[in-house]
Amino acid sequence: MLGGLAAGLIGTVVVSLLLIFPQAARDENRALTTPMPEPRLQTDPAADWQRYKAESMSRLAGYGWADREHGIAHIPIDEAMRQVAGDGIPDWPADARQEGRR
């Protein structure tokens, strides 16, 4: 009798779940429809780092266009710092300039 009651309860639960979630009983392909891209691994991280560092230092120490279309160029950072130290920053409060020289 206890086995029959357990079997009836299990059957009721299964039927109830199938009625509540009818899409769960369907056999659907849920695989990705687009292929995953292959990983792009670094083959020589040290050389990549050296190349990045050289490009960055070249940009910091050289002249070039930041935005040629709008006429914006970049200058070497040392020269830019000299110009800012000598001329100051436009629209910078005069009191702040004096505090920095104390």
Foldseek 3Di string as FASTA:
>chain_A
DVVVVVVVVVVVVVVVVCVVCVVVPDDDDPDDPDDDDDDDDDPDVVVVVVVVVVVVQCQQAAKDAPDVVVPHIDHHVVVVVVCCLVVNDPPDDPVVVVVVVD
